[in-house]
Amino acid sequence: QVQVAESGGGLVQPGGSLRLACAASTSDFSSYTMGWYRQGPGNQRELVAGDTGYYAYSVKGRFTISRDDAKNTVYLQMNNLRPEDTAVYYCNAALKWRTSTNYWGQGTQVTVSS
């Protein structure tokens, strides 16, 4: 069992920035592909960014995913935030050769509002 924990959410004004972090408790972090998802009010959970280079159209050019295997951590740098980015952001860790084996964090709230 892998524990996944997000941090870094909060309240930010439109145009502001936040950096989310996700730490995974595994000694084999490099075997996992990491992704950031979000679920806004009344919406389904959607993939925002994956460490394979995927970005949702709505965040391209504003969000950047990166990972530090030495720290078992993946980050999501979010710039030029918009009110529609308001959501609970979740981190997912999936085994590269068996993505059906995956783990979710508890989520961190991001609210973009003036």
C-alpha atoms as a PDB file:
ATOM      1  CA  GLN A   1       0.000   0.000   0.000  1.00  0.00           C
ATOM      2  CA  VAL A   2       1.317   3.414  -0.977  1.00  0.00           C
ATOM      3  CA  GLN A   3       0.285   6.490   0.964  1.00  0.00           C
ATOM      4  CA  VAL A   4      -0.117   9.629  -1.109  1.00  0.00           C
ATOM      5  CA  ALA A   5      -0.434  13.039   0.517  1.00  0.00           C
ATOM      6  CA  GLU A   6      -1.078  16.399  -1.121  1.00  0.00           C
ATOM      7  CA  SER A   7      -0.231  19.797   0.322  1.00  0.00           C
ATOM      8  CA  GLY A   8      -0.072  23.421  -0.729  1.00  0.00           C
ATOM      9  CA  GLY A   9      -3.679  24.298  -1.433  1.00  0.00           C
ATOM     10  CA  GLY A  10      -5.318  27.474  -0.250  1.00  0.00           C
ATOM     11  CA  LEU A  11      -7.062  30.679  -1.191  1.00  0.00           C
ATOM     12  CA  VAL A  12      -5.509  32.815  -3.906  1.00  0.00           C
ATOM     13  CA  GLN A  13      -6.640  35.806  -5.920  1.00  0.00           C
ATOM     14  CA  PRO A  14      -7.183  35.561  -9.682  1.00  0.00           C
ATOM     15  CA  GLY A  15      -3.854  35.866 -11.461  1.00  0.00           C
ATOM     16  CA  GLY A  16      -1.982  34.463  -8.501  1.00  0.00           C
ATOM     17  CA  SER A  17       0.131  31.338  -8.155  1.00  0.00           C
ATOM     18  CA  LEU A  18       0.243  28.249  -5.995  1.00  0.00           C
ATOM     19  CA  ARG A  19       2.492  25.214  -5.901  1.00  0.00           C
ATOM     20  CA  LEU A  20       1.018  21.909  -4.874  1.00  0.00           C
ATOM     21  CA  ALA A  21       3.163  19.046  -3.646  1.00  0.00           C
ATOM     22  CA  CYS A  22       2.401  15.346  -3.465  1.00  0.00           C
ATOM     23  CA  ALA A  23       4.561  12.966  -1.473  1.00  0.00           C
ATOM     24  CA  ALA A  24       4.339   9.198  -1.945  1.00  0.00           C
ATOM     25  CA  SER A  25       5.440   6.695   0.673  1.00  0.00           C
ATOM     26  CA  THR A  26       7.241   4.132  -1.453  1.00  0.00           C
ATOM     27  CA  SER A  27      10.826   3.014  -1.857  1.00  0.00           C
ATOM     28  CA  ASP A  28      10.213   2.552  -5.576  1.00  0.00           C
ATOM     29  CA  PHE A  29       8.888   5.962  -6.593  1.00  0.00           C
ATOM     30  CA  SER A  30      10.436   5.744 -10.063  1.00  0.00           C
ATOM     31  CA  SER A  31       8.104   2.826 -10.878  1.00  0.00           C
ATOM     32  CA  TYR A  32       5.079   5.080 -10.559  1.00  0.00           C
ATOM     33  CA  THR A  33       3.629   7.502 -13.030  1.00  0.00           C
ATOM     34  CA  MET A  34       2.154  10.498 -11.273  1.00  0.00           C
ATOM     35  CA  GLY A  35      -0.785  12.650 -12.164  1.00  0.00           C
ATOM     36  CA  TRP A  36      -2.748  15.586 -10.833  1.00  0.00           C
ATOM     37  CA  TYR A  37      -6.531  15.542 -11.052  1.00  0.00           C
ATOM     38  CA  ARG A  38      -9.161  17.992  -9.904  1.00  0.00           C
ATOM     39  CA  GLN A  39     -12.849  17.972  -9.119  1.00  0.00           C
ATOM     40  CA  GLY A  40     -14.743  21.218  -9.061  1.00  0.00           C
ATOM     41  CA  PRO A  41     -18.233  21.746  -7.631  1.00  0.00           C
ATOM     42  CA  GLY A  42     -20.731  19.701  -9.613  1.00  0.00           C
ATOM     43  CA  ASN A  43     -18.046  18.370 -11.940  1.00  0.00           C
ATOM     44  CA  GLN A  44     -16.463  15.015 -12.559  1.00  0.00           C
ATOM     45  CA  ARG A  45     -12.870  14.420 -11.589  1.00  0.00           C
ATOM     46  CA  GLU A  46     -10.590  15.310 -14.500  1.00  0.00           C
ATOM     47  CA  LEU A  47      -6.936  14.791 -15.282  1.00  0.00           C
ATOM     48  CA  VAL A  48      -5.113  18.107 -15.160  1.00  0.00           C
ATOM     49  CA  ALA A  49      -1.505  17.086 -15.739  1.00  0.00           C
ATOM     50  CA  GLY A  50       0.512  13.893 -15.956  1.00  0.00           C
ATOM     51  CA  ASP A  51       4.240  13.402 -15.676  1.00  0.00           C
ATOM     52  CA  THR A  52       4.230  11.834 -19.156  1.00  0.00           C
ATOM     53  CA  GLY A  53       3.680  15.348 -20.485  1.00  0.00           C
ATOM     54  CA  TYR A  54      -0.095  15.540 -20.665  1.00  0.00           C
ATOM     55  CA  TYR A  55      -1.862  18.785 -19.798  1.00  0.00           C
ATOM     56  CA  ALA A  56      -5.548  19.510 -20.004  1.00  0.00           C
ATOM     57  CA  TYR A  57      -6.268  22.171 -22.604  1.00  0.00           C
ATOM     58  CA  SER A  58      -7.610  24.550 -19.991  1.00  0.00           C
ATOM     59  CA  VAL A  59      -4.309  24.646 -18.080  1.00  0.00           C
ATOM     60  CA  LYS A  60      -1.741  24.486 -20.876  1.00  0.00           C
ATOM     61  CA  GLY A  61       0.796  27.261 -20.546  1.00  0.00           C
ATOM     62  CA  ARG A  62      -0.265  28.012 -16.968  1.00  0.00           C
ATOM     63  CA  PHE A  63       0.403  24.784 -15.034  1.00  0.00           C
ATOM     64  CA  THR A  64       3.626  22.783 -14.897  1.00  0.00           C
ATOM     65  CA  ILE A  65       4.077  19.319 -13.442  1.00  0.00           C
ATOM     66  CA  SER A  66       7.470  18.179 -12.210  1.00  0.00           C
ATOM     67  CA  ARG A  67       8.811  15.397 -10.064  1.00  0.00           C
ATOM     68  CA  ASP A  68      11.760  14.914  -7.748  1.00  0.00           C
ATOM     69  CA  ASP A  69      12.464  11.207  -7.425  1.00  0.00           C
ATOM     70  CA  ALA A  70      15.008  11.840  -4.658  1.00  0.00           C
ATOM     71  CA  LYS A  71      12.184  13.249  -2.533  1.00  0.00           C
ATOM     72  CA  ASN A  72       9.404  10.925  -3.744  1.00  0.00           C
ATOM     73  CA  THR A  73       7.474  14.056  -4.608  1.00  0.00           C
ATOM     74  CA  VAL A  74       5.607  15.463  -7.576  1.00  0.00           C
ATOM     75  CA  TYR A  75       4.700  19.128  -7.870  1.00  0.00           C
ATOM     76  CA  LEU A  76       2.113  21.163  -9.704  1.00  0.00           C
ATOM     77  CA  GLN A  77       3.087  24.779 -10.265  1.00  0.00           C
ATOM     78  CA  MET A  78      -0.051  26.765 -11.034  1.00  0.00           C
ATOM     79  CA  ASN A  79       0.302  30.272 -12.428  1.00  0.00           C
ATOM     80  CA  ASN A  80      -2.211  32.861 -13.611  1.00  0.00           C
ATOM     81  CA  LEU A  81      -4.949  31.129 -11.677  1.00  0.00           C
ATOM     82  CA  ARG A  82      -8.565  31.673 -12.640  1.00  0.00           C
ATOM     83  CA  PRO A  83     -11.784  31.293 -10.655  1.00  0.00           C
ATOM     84  CA  GLU A  84     -12.629  28.242 -12.774  1.00  0.00           C
ATOM     85  CA  ASP A  85      -9.519  26.528 -11.402  1.00  0.00           C
ATOM     86  CA  THR A  86     -11.278  26.309  -8.045  1.00  0.00           C
ATOM     87  CA  ALA A  87     -11.467  22.627  -7.143  1.00  0.00           C
ATOM     88  CA  VAL A  88     -10.170  19.905  -4.895  1.00  0.00           C
ATOM     89  CA  TYR A  89      -6.880  18.773  -6.382  1.00  0.00           C
ATOM     90  CA  TYR A  90      -5.932  15.115  -6.069  1.00  0.00           C
ATOM     91  CA  CYS A  91      -2.682  13.302  -6.689  1.00  0.00           C
ATOM     92  CA  ASN A  92      -2.599   9.825  -8.174  1.00  0.00           C
ATOM     93  CA  ALA A  93       0.275   7.346  -8.219  1.00  0.00           C
ATOM     94  CA  ALA A  94      -0.041   4.474 -10.691  1.00  0.00           C
ATOM     95  CA  LEU A  95       2.338   1.602 -11.374  1.00  0.00           C
ATOM     96  CA  LYS A  96       3.800   2.143 -14.829  1.00  0.00           C
ATOM     97  CA  TRP A  97       3.317  -1.481 -15.916  1.00  0.00           C
ATOM     98  CA  ARG A  98      -0.045  -1.976 -14.248  1.00  0.00           C
ATOM     99  CA  THR A  99      -1.916   1.289 -13.994  1.00  0.00           C
ATOM    100  CA  SER A 100      -4.920  -0.486 -12.475  1.00  0.00           C
ATOM    101  CA  THR A 101      -2.792  -0.480  -9.341  1.00  0.00           C
ATOM    102  CA  ASN A 102      -3.003   3.114  -8.288  1.00  0.00           C
ATOM    103  CA  TYR A 103      -3.377   5.197  -5.183  1.00  0.00           C
ATOM    104  CA  TRP A 104      -5.109   8.479  -4.423  1.00  0.00           C
ATOM    105  CA  GLY A 105      -4.410  11.191  -1.918  1.00  0.00           C
ATOM    106  CA  GLN A 106      -7.067  12.848   0.184  1.00  0.00           C
ATOM    107  CA  GLY A 107      -7.056  16.010  -1.905  1.00  0.00           C
ATOM    108  CA  THR A 108      -6.238  19.638  -1.239  1.00  0.00           C
ATOM    109  CA  GLN A 109      -8.619  22.528  -1.778  1.00  0.00           C
ATOM    110  CA  VAL A 110      -7.667  25.328  -4.156  1.00  0.00           C
ATOM    111  CA  THR A 111      -9.930  28.360  -4.181  1.00  0.00           C
ATOM    112  CA  VAL A 112      -9.389  31.211  -6.609  1.00  0.00           C
ATOM    113  CA  SER A 113     -11.403  34.233  -5.609  1.00  0.00           C
ATOM    114  CA  SER A 114     -11.063  37.945  -5.058  1.00  0.00           C
END
